[in-house]
Protein backbone atom coordinates (compact mmCIF):
# COMPACT_ATOMS: atom_id res chain seq x y z
CA MET A 1 0.08 -0.28 -0.22
CA ALA A 2 1.68 3.74 -0.63
CA SER A 3 0.27 5.50 1.72
CA LEU A 4 -2.15 4.38 4.36
CA PHE A 5 -4.02 7.28 4.04
CA SER A 6 -7.01 7.94 1.44
CA GLU A 7 -6.81 11.03 -0.41
CA ASP A 8 -9.27 12.82 1.17
CA PHE A 9 -8.00 12.07 4.42
CA SER A 10 -8.61 14.43 7.63
CA SER A 11 -7.64 14.55 11.65
CA GLU A 12 -10.95 15.56 12.35
CA PRO A 13 -14.27 12.95 13.25
CA TYR A 14 -15.73 10.89 10.38
CA TRP A 15 -19.17 12.58 11.74
CA TRP A 16 -18.48 15.71 11.11
CA ASP A 17 -17.93 15.33 7.36
CA ALA A 18 -22.60 15.59 7.19
CA THR A 19 -22.76 17.28 10.58
CA PRO A 20 -19.47 20.05 11.29
CA ARG A 21 -19.32 21.66 14.90
CA PRO A 22 -22.38 24.39 15.00
CA VAL A 23 -21.62 27.64 14.34
CA THR A 24 -23.68 29.50 17.16
CA GLU A 25 -24.63 33.49 17.19
CA GLN A 26 -22.51 35.37 18.68
CA GLN A 27 -24.19 37.03 21.49
CA GLU A 28 -23.48 39.59 23.63
CA LEU A 29 -23.94 37.15 27.43
CA PRO A 30 -26.34 37.68 29.71
CA SER A 31 -25.02 39.57 32.87
CA SER A 32 -27.21 36.90 35.24
CA VAL A 33 -29.24 33.77 35.11
CA ASP A 34 -31.09 30.99 36.64
CA VAL A 35 -28.88 28.77 35.79
CA LEU A 36 -25.42 29.09 34.09
CA VAL A 37 -24.39 25.46 32.77
CA ILE A 38 -20.40 24.77 31.92
CA GLY A 39 -20.07 21.90 28.81
CA ALA A 40 -22.92 21.40 25.91
CA GLY A 41 -22.17 18.42 24.99
CA TYR A 42 -24.79 15.85 25.67
CA THR A 43 -25.22 16.30 29.87
CA GLY A 44 -25.02 19.53 29.71
CA LEU A 45 -27.38 20.94 26.79
CA HIS A 46 -29.56 18.00 28.81
CA ALA A 47 -29.76 19.85 31.86
CA ALA A 48 -30.59 22.82 29.65
CA LEU A 49 -33.39 21.67 28.14
CA GLN A 50 -35.11 20.52 31.01
CA THR A 51 -34.15 23.66 32.86
CA ALA A 52 -35.31 25.81 30.31
CA ARG A 53 -38.78 23.97 29.65
CA ALA A 54 -38.99 23.78 33.72
CA GLY A 55 -39.10 27.99 32.92
CA ARG A 56 -35.11 29.17 34.76
CA SER A 57 -33.17 31.28 32.34
CA THR A 58 -31.11 29.07 31.19
CA ALA A 59 -26.97 29.88 29.69
CA VAL A 60 -25.18 26.86 28.25
CA ILE A 61 -21.24 28.29 27.64
CA ASP A 62 -18.22 26.13 26.45
CA ALA A 63 -14.65 26.90 25.56
CA GLU A 64 -15.18 25.12 21.97
CA ALA A 65 -17.44 24.53 19.96
CA ALA A 66 -21.15 23.11 20.92
CA GLY A 67 -20.36 19.72 21.41
CA TRP A 68 -16.54 19.82 20.34
CA GLY A 69 -15.18 17.34 22.97
CA CYS A 70 -16.01 13.82 23.34
CA SER A 71 -20.21 14.58 22.14
CA SER A 72 -19.21 14.18 18.26
CA ARG A 73 -16.43 12.23 18.70
CA ASN A 74 -17.63 8.87 20.63
CA GLY A 75 -17.76 6.04 18.38
CA GLY A 76 -21.61 6.38 18.94
CA GLN A 77 -21.97 2.86 20.72
CA ILE A 78 -24.69 2.53 23.12
CA SER A 79 -24.66 0.09 26.42
CA THR A 80 -25.99 -0.94 29.53
CA SER A 81 -22.88 1.89 30.51
CA LEU A 82 -22.26 0.45 33.68
CA LYS A 83 -17.92 -1.00 33.60
CA PRO A 84 -18.64 -2.86 36.74
CA ASN A 85 -20.82 -6.06 37.26
CA TYR A 86 -23.47 -6.58 39.14
CA ASP A 87 -22.48 -9.38 42.60
CA THR A 88 -20.04 -6.04 42.53
CA LEU A 89 -22.31 -3.53 43.46
CA VAL A 90 -24.10 -5.46 45.11
CA LYS A 91 -20.93 -6.44 47.50
CA LYS A 92 -19.69 -2.49 47.86
CA TYR A 93 -22.57 -1.33 48.56
CA GLY A 94 -24.98 -3.91 49.69
CA ALA A 95 -28.30 -4.90 47.84
CA SER A 96 -30.88 -2.27 47.11
CA THR A 97 -28.09 0.37 45.90
CA GLY A 98 -26.11 -2.48 44.50
CA LEU A 99 -29.06 -2.69 42.36
CA ALA A 100 -30.42 0.48 41.93
CA ILE A 101 -27.19 1.28 40.00
CA ALA A 102 -27.06 -1.45 38.24
CA LEU A 103 -31.09 -0.50 36.65
CA GLU A 104 -29.65 3.01 35.78
CA GLY A 105 -27.53 1.44 33.14
CA HIS A 106 -30.99 -0.16 31.62
CA LEU A 107 -33.25 2.84 32.22
CA ALA A 108 -30.92 4.62 30.25
CA LEU A 109 -30.66 3.01 27.69
CA ARG A 110 -34.41 2.56 27.30
CA TRP A 111 -34.00 6.54 27.89
CA ILE A 112 -32.36 7.29 25.06
CA GLU A 113 -34.08 5.93 22.89
CA GLU A 114 -37.37 7.26 23.89
CA PHE A 115 -36.24 10.71 23.68
CA VAL A 116 -34.99 10.30 20.55
CA THR A 117 -38.22 9.30 19.35
CA GLU A 118 -40.51 11.60 20.66
CA GLU A 119 -37.97 14.57 20.06
CA HIS A 120 -37.97 13.09 16.57
CA ILE A 121 -34.36 13.05 16.66
CA SER A 122 -32.98 12.36 12.94
CA CYS A 123 -29.90 10.42 13.55
CA ASP A 124 -29.04 6.98 12.13
CA PHE A 125 -30.41 5.48 15.71
CA GLN A 126 -31.03 1.72 15.77
CA ARG A 127 -31.36 -1.44 18.01
CA ASN A 128 -28.50 -3.38 15.87
CA GLY A 129 -27.18 -5.00 18.96
CA ARG A 130 -23.27 -5.91 20.37
CA PHE A 131 -21.55 -9.37 20.24
CA HIS A 132 -18.89 -8.66 23.25
CA ALA A 133 -16.47 -10.68 22.58
CA ALA A 134 -13.68 -12.82 24.16
CA HIS A 135 -10.08 -12.54 23.94
CA SER A 136 -9.40 -16.22 24.79
CA SER A 137 -11.27 -19.74 25.79
CA ARG A 138 -10.81 -18.42 29.90
CA ALA A 139 -12.29 -15.13 28.78
CA PHE A 140 -15.41 -16.33 27.20
CA ALA A 141 -15.95 -19.27 30.50
CA GLN A 142 -15.85 -16.19 32.53
CA LEU A 143 -18.00 -14.18 30.48
CA LYS A 144 -20.77 -17.50 30.19
CA ASP A 145 -20.11 -17.35 33.99
CA LYS A 146 -21.29 -13.69 34.23
CA ARG A 147 -24.15 -13.84 31.75
CA GLU A 148 -25.86 -17.05 33.75
CA ALA A 149 -25.33 -15.21 36.98
CA MET A 150 -27.11 -12.42 36.40
CA PRO A 151 -30.43 -11.77 37.87
CA PRO A 152 -33.61 -11.26 36.32
CA GLY A 153 -34.53 -7.80 35.17
CA ILE A 154 -30.95 -7.03 34.25
CA GLU A 155 -29.61 -9.38 32.34
CA ASP A 156 -31.17 -7.25 29.06
CA GLN A 157 -32.16 -10.91 26.79
CA ALA A 158 -28.67 -11.19 26.85
CA VAL A 159 -27.51 -14.54 24.74
CA VAL A 160 -23.80 -16.56 24.60
CA ILE A 161 -22.78 -17.80 21.96
CA GLU A 162 -19.77 -20.30 20.91
CA ARG A 163 -16.48 -19.51 18.77
CA LYS A 164 -18.29 -21.87 16.19
CA ASP A 165 -21.38 -19.84 16.07
CA GLN A 166 -19.74 -16.43 15.77
CA HIS A 167 -19.52 -16.20 12.34
CA ARG A 168 -22.73 -14.98 12.06
CA TYR A 169 -21.95 -11.52 14.05
CA ILE A 170 -17.86 -11.13 12.68
CA GLY A 171 -15.34 -12.68 9.59
CA SER A 172 -12.75 -13.28 12.90
CA ASP A 173 -11.11 -15.90 13.67
CA ALA A 174 -10.07 -14.07 16.39
CA TYR A 175 -12.59 -14.54 19.07
CA HIS A 176 -13.17 -17.25 21.46
CA GLY A 177 -16.89 -16.73 21.31
CA GLY A 178 -19.49 -13.70 23.09
CA ILE A 179 -21.91 -12.65 24.37
CA PHE A 180 -23.84 -10.89 21.78
CA HIS A 181 -26.92 -8.27 23.43
CA PRO A 182 -29.76 -7.70 21.53
CA ASN A 183 -30.75 -4.49 22.77
CA TYR A 184 -27.57 -2.36 22.51
CA ALA A 185 -27.95 0.07 20.05
CA SER A 186 -25.77 2.54 18.29
CA LEU A 187 -26.73 5.84 16.52
CA ASP A 188 -24.51 8.79 14.91
CA PRO A 189 -23.56 10.38 17.79
CA ALA A 190 -22.84 14.60 16.01
CA LYS A 191 -26.13 13.98 14.19
CA TYR A 192 -27.41 13.88 18.00
CA HIS A 193 -25.35 16.18 19.52
CA ALA A 194 -27.01 18.67 16.63
CA GLY A 195 -30.61 17.75 17.48
CA LEU A 196 -30.15 17.97 20.96
CA LEU A 197 -28.51 21.82 20.97
CA GLN A 198 -31.29 22.98 18.43
CA ARG A 199 -34.06 21.32 21.13
CA THR A 200 -32.43 23.34 23.69
CA ILE A 201 -32.07 26.28 21.46
CA ASN A 202 -36.40 26.23 21.05
CA ALA A 203 -36.43 25.78 24.92
CA GLY A 204 -35.46 29.18 24.87
CA ALA A 205 -31.15 28.59 26.27
CA GLU A 206 -28.53 30.07 25.28
CA ILE A 207 -25.49 28.90 24.00
CA HIS A 208 -22.25 30.74 24.16
CA GLY A 209 -19.53 28.94 22.04
CA HIS A 210 -15.67 29.73 22.81
CA CYS A 211 -16.20 31.23 26.01
CA ALA A 212 -14.38 29.30 27.90
CA ALA A 213 -14.76 29.97 32.41
CA LYS A 214 -11.97 30.88 34.27
CA ASN A 215 -13.29 31.74 38.06
CA ILE A 216 -16.37 30.33 39.59
CA LYS A 217 -16.58 32.49 42.80
CA ALA A 218 -20.14 32.33 44.96
CA SER A 219 -20.76 35.94 46.55
CA GLY A 220 -23.88 35.22 48.79
CA ASP A 221 -26.50 32.87 47.61
CA LYS A 222 -25.31 32.88 43.96
CA TYR A 223 -22.14 32.21 41.90
CA LYS A 224 -20.03 35.00 39.77
CA VAL A 225 -19.20 33.43 36.76
CA GLN A 226 -16.34 34.98 35.20
CA THR A 227 -15.75 33.71 31.37
CA ALA A 228 -13.26 34.99 29.05
CA ARG A 229 -15.78 36.93 27.55
CA GLY A 230 -17.54 38.74 30.49
CA GLU A 231 -18.86 37.93 33.70
CA ILE A 232 -22.66 35.91 34.27
CA ILE A 233 -23.75 35.94 38.23
CA ALA A 234 -26.23 32.74 38.35
CA LYS A 235 -28.45 30.74 40.56
CA ASP A 236 -26.72 27.25 39.91
CA VAL A 237 -24.35 26.14 38.28
CA VAL A 238 -23.71 23.58 36.68
CA ILE A 239 -20.34 21.88 35.89
CA ALA A 240 -20.65 19.38 32.71
CA THR A 241 -17.04 19.22 31.63
CA ASN A 242 -16.33 15.48 31.86
CA GLY A 243 -12.88 14.66 30.22
CA TYR A 244 -12.76 17.71 30.48
CA THR A 245 -12.42 19.16 33.53
CA GLY A 246 -9.96 20.46 34.45
CA SER A 247 -8.02 23.52 37.70
CA LEU A 248 -11.40 25.83 36.99
CA THR A 249 -13.07 22.51 39.20
CA PRO A 250 -10.72 21.32 41.99
CA TRP A 251 -12.62 18.91 43.53
CA LEU A 252 -13.74 17.21 40.75
CA GLN A 253 -10.19 17.49 39.05
CA ARG A 254 -8.76 15.24 41.42
CA ARG A 255 -12.31 12.84 40.95
CA ILE A 256 -11.34 12.64 37.02
CA ILE A 257 -8.63 10.45 35.28
CA PRO A 258 -8.79 12.38 31.19
CA ILE A 259 -7.81 9.04 28.90
CA GLY A 260 -7.18 9.57 25.22
CA SER A 261 -9.60 7.05 23.27
CA TYR A 262 -8.46 6.98 19.54
CA ILE A 263 -10.92 6.23 16.15
CA ILE A 264 -10.03 5.84 12.43
CA ALA A 265 -12.68 5.89 9.93
CA THR A 266 -11.16 3.17 6.51
CA GLU A 267 -12.10 4.15 3.29
CA ALA A 268 -15.35 2.91 2.02
CA VAL A 269 -15.35 -1.40 1.82
CA PRO A 270 -16.70 -3.36 -0.88
CA ALA A 271 -19.71 -3.94 -0.06
CA GLU A 272 -19.54 -8.12 -0.61
CA LEU A 273 -16.78 -7.85 1.80
CA MET A 274 -18.19 -5.93 4.38
CA GLN A 275 -20.84 -8.84 4.34
CA GLN A 276 -17.77 -11.09 4.89
CA LEU A 277 -16.56 -9.04 7.75
CA LEU A 278 -20.16 -7.66 9.62
CA PRO A 279 -22.45 -9.52 7.90
CA GLN A 280 -25.26 -8.34 10.45
CA GLN A 281 -24.63 -4.62 11.06
CA ILE A 282 -24.28 -4.21 14.82
CA ASN A 283 -21.67 -2.96 17.48
CA ILE A 284 -18.29 -4.98 18.11
CA THR A 285 -16.33 -4.98 22.00
CA ASP A 286 -14.58 -7.65 23.05
CA SER A 287 -13.05 -8.45 26.86
CA ARG A 288 -9.68 -6.66 26.78
CA LYS A 289 -9.00 -4.36 29.73
CA VAL A 290 -7.68 -1.98 27.28
CA VAL A 291 -10.56 -2.86 24.66
CA TYR A 292 -11.11 -1.89 20.83
CA TYR A 293 -14.59 -1.13 19.85
CA TYR A 294 -15.65 -0.94 16.17
CA ARG A 295 -19.02 -0.82 13.70
CA THR A 296 -20.30 -0.33 11.11
CA SER A 297 -20.95 3.81 9.40
CA PRO A 298 -24.32 3.88 9.28
CA ASP A 299 -24.80 4.18 5.77
CA ASN A 300 -22.71 -0.03 5.81
CA LYS A 301 -19.53 1.65 4.38
CA ARG A 302 -16.73 2.08 6.86
CA ILE A 303 -15.94 0.66 9.77
CA ILE A 304 -15.31 2.89 12.85
CA PHE A 305 -12.91 1.26 14.73
CA GLY A 306 -11.80 2.99 18.20
CA GLY A 307 -9.18 1.91 20.70
CA ARG A 308 -6.83 2.65 23.42
CA VAL A 309 -3.52 2.40 20.85
CA SER A 310 -0.57 3.84 23.84
CA HIS A 311 0.82 3.70 27.38
CA GLY A 312 0.38 7.72 26.82
CA GLU A 313 -1.16 9.99 24.87
CA VAL A 314 -0.20 9.93 21.29
CA ASP A 315 -0.95 11.55 18.19
CA THR A 316 -3.52 10.78 15.41
CA ILE A 317 -1.38 10.30 13.19
CA THR A 318 0.17 7.73 14.80
CA SER A 319 -2.52 6.39 16.31
CA ALA A 320 -3.98 6.09 13.13
CA HIS A 321 -0.65 3.18 11.95
CA ALA A 322 -1.83 1.57 15.58
CA LEU A 323 -5.61 1.02 14.90
CA HIS A 324 -4.51 0.20 11.65
CA ARG A 325 -2.79 -2.89 12.29
CA ASP A 326 -4.48 -4.03 14.99
CA LEU A 327 -7.77 -3.50 12.82
CA ALA A 328 -6.20 -5.63 10.16
CA ALA A 329 -4.86 -7.76 12.64
CA LEU A 330 -8.62 -9.33 13.35
CA PHE A 331 -9.75 -8.99 9.52
CA PRO A 332 -6.49 -9.81 7.50
CA ALA A 333 -8.88 -8.39 4.41
CA LEU A 334 -8.03 -5.10 5.30
CA LYS A 335 -4.27 -4.85 5.43
CA ASN A 336 -4.65 -2.88 2.35
CA THR A 337 -7.43 -0.62 2.46
CA GLN A 338 -6.64 3.12 3.71
CA ILE A 339 -7.91 5.00 6.42
CA SER A 340 -10.04 7.95 5.62
CA HIS A 341 -10.77 10.07 9.06
CA SER A 342 -8.09 9.27 12.49
CA TRP A 343 -9.54 11.52 15.62
CA LYS A 344 -9.27 11.10 19.49
CA GLY A 345 -11.96 12.18 22.43
CA THR A 346 -10.87 12.87 26.18
CA VAL A 347 -12.86 10.41 28.31
CA ALA A 348 -13.56 10.78 31.80
CA TYR A 349 -12.66 7.54 34.09
CA THR A 350 -13.10 7.16 37.87
CA PHE A 351 -11.35 5.58 40.52
CA ASP A 352 -13.93 3.19 41.23
CA GLU A 353 -15.03 3.06 37.52
CA LEU A 354 -18.75 4.27 38.11
CA PRO A 355 -19.92 7.32 36.82
CA HIS A 356 -20.93 10.77 39.86
CA MET A 357 -23.22 12.61 39.99
CA GLY A 358 -24.16 15.32 42.59
CA ARG A 359 -23.53 18.67 44.72
CA HIS A 360 -20.53 19.73 45.63
CA ASP A 361 -19.77 23.32 47.18
CA GLY A 362 -23.13 23.91 46.10
CA LEU A 363 -21.82 23.18 42.57
CA HIS A 364 -24.39 21.03 40.52
CA TYR A 365 -22.48 18.04 38.44
CA ALA A 366 -22.32 14.93 36.42
CA MET A 367 -19.49 13.06 34.61
CA GLY A 368 -17.44 9.96 34.79
CA TYR A 369 -19.38 8.16 32.18
CA CYS A 370 -15.99 5.54 31.42
CA GLY A 371 -16.55 5.47 28.42
CA SER A 372 -19.96 4.79 28.36
CA GLY A 373 -21.38 8.37 27.83
CA VAL A 374 -23.86 8.37 25.08
CA SER A 375 -26.73 7.06 27.00
CA LEU A 376 -25.97 7.61 31.06
CA SER A 377 -24.78 11.30 30.23
CA SER A 378 -27.98 12.26 28.52
CA TYR A 379 -30.01 10.55 30.85
CA LEU A 380 -27.61 11.72 34.20
CA GLY A 381 -27.94 15.48 32.47
CA MET A 382 -31.93 14.79 32.21
CA LYS A 383 -31.73 14.03 35.73
CA LEU A 384 -29.27 16.66 37.00
CA GLY A 385 -31.64 19.05 35.29
CA LEU A 386 -34.41 18.40 36.73
CA GLN A 387 -32.85 17.96 40.22
CA VAL A 388 -31.66 21.88 39.24
CA ALA A 389 -35.05 22.29 38.90
CA CYS A 390 -36.18 21.52 41.55
CA ARG A 391 -37.87 18.09 40.66
CA ALA A 392 -36.88 15.83 43.88
CA ASP A 393 -38.22 12.71 42.51
CA ASN A 394 -35.42 12.43 40.01
CA ILE A 395 -32.96 11.55 42.12
CA SER A 396 -30.37 8.32 40.93
CA ALA A 397 -29.23 5.66 42.56
CA LEU A 398 -25.86 7.63 41.66
CA ASN A 399 -26.24 10.48 43.86
CA HIS A 400 -26.00 8.90 46.87
CA ILE A 401 -22.21 7.19 46.72
CA LYS A 402 -19.26 8.18 47.86
CA HIS A 403 -17.08 10.12 44.42
CA PRO A 404 -13.70 8.93 45.46
CA THR A 405 -9.98 10.33 44.69
CA ARG A 406 -6.88 9.06 45.90
CA PRO A 407 -3.94 10.84 47.95
CA LEU A 408 -2.06 13.42 45.46
CA TYR A 409 -3.92 12.90 43.01
CA ARG A 410 -4.20 16.36 41.61
CA GLY A 411 -5.94 15.51 37.98
CA ASN A 412 -2.46 14.22 36.00
CA PRO A 413 -3.07 10.57 35.38
CA TRP A 414 0.87 9.72 36.48
CA PHE A 415 -0.36 5.72 36.58
CA LEU A 416 -1.91 5.78 33.28
CA ALA A 417 0.67 4.56 31.34
CA PRO A 418 2.53 2.25 33.90
CA SER A 419 -1.95 0.72 34.25
CA VAL A 420 -2.06 1.11 30.63
CA ALA A 421 0.96 -1.36 30.44
CA TYR A 422 0.33 -4.26 33.28
CA TYR A 423 -3.47 -4.36 31.69
CA ARG A 424 -1.74 -5.46 28.01
CA TRP A 425 -0.26 -7.69 29.52
CA ARG A 426 -2.42 -9.34 31.66
CA ASP A 427 -4.97 -9.13 28.50
CA LYS A 428 -2.28 -11.10 26.59
CA HIS A 429 -2.30 -13.91 29.01
CA SER A 430 -4.96 -14.52 29.95
C-alpha cells in the first residue's frame, strides 16, 4: 500500500463530514441567569433542556464550539453502560443500592431511545445489538459464567455465542465466542448532538460557544462566573465538563481521570467484503481490559474502529498506524484498506469505574462515564437538570455514593502509562 491514508484524509471526526461543528450566533452574554451550564456536550445540553423547559432562564457556555468534545467524537455505541458488574455493586453497596445502580444503566438505554423518538431527532438510531467478544478461552468462560449469574430484570436478553457460531456476527477467527446483546444500540453522535442542541435552543436556553469559564466565586446565594467574554451571575451552576474537567473545579479535577480514546474510519469497503466481515451491521467490543470497539458506519460502507493504542497520549497520525495494524490483525482482508479519518477524544474515568452526580460546594455536576457516555451522559444530564429545577423525584442511585479520589492526585494521571502496560500484559496472558 503506497500510503496508509486516503487522498481525502481528515484528522477530524468522520461524523463531522455530515454534521460540521455548529456556528452559534455570537450573542451578548447575559449579565445574570437562573442557571449557568458549563459544557455544551450531551450532559450540559440535557441539563439545560430541562431547566429551560421548567421556565428557568438558562445559558450554556463552552470553551470550544458546542459539542466539540467527546459528544461528537465517540463511536456512537450505546449499551447498559456501567463497568462494574452486578455482583461487584452488590458486594460494595448492598443488595438494594447495588441493584438500583445496575438498573440505572438499563434505564438510560431505554430512555435515550424514548427521547430520540419523542423529540423526532434524526440521528440513525437503531437497536442493532452488540457482540461482546472473548479474546481468549478463559475470557469466554468468565463471560458465560457472568451471563448465567445475572438476576432477572437486568440480564438484557443476552445470548451466549459459542466460537463455532460467532461467524454469524463477525467474520474473524481472532475471538473465542462471546455474548450477543440484542438490545444494545447505536447512533450518529454528531447528528444526535445537533438535534439535542436545536431543541435546547428552541426551549429558550442561550448557547455561547468559544466562551471558556475562567473562575467561579460564590457571592451570597449566587455565583459569579468569570468567562473569556465577561462575567455572568447565576443562581445555580452546572459543571458538565467530563473528560475536559480542569483547574476551574479542583475538587472534581481530583476525581476525574482524563484518558484519550482514538478512532479511525476506513475508506469505503466493498459491499461483498463488508458482508463477510460484519454481516449483521452490529456493534463489536471485546473482553480485553484495554478494549477495542468498532462498528460499521450508519450507511454500512466503512468501519469505525477505536481503542486505546499506547501507554501515553499520542498524535492521531501515530494512533492511526497502531489502530490500522490492530484492525488488520482482526480482519486480514483489510490490510490494504486505507484510512479516511483519524481522531481522538478525551473520556473521563473514575477511580471506582462509576459515573457520579451530585452537588459539591453548591455546584451541580454529572460526569465520569468511563467510556460509555452516550446514554449515561444524556440520562444523567436530564436527571441533573430536573434536580436543579427542584424535581426531587428524579434523584438517581448515583447521587448517594461517594465520589472517590486518591492521595496526591491532582488531575494528571501519571499512573496511566504503567497501568495500560500492565493491562496489556494481562490481556495477552489471560
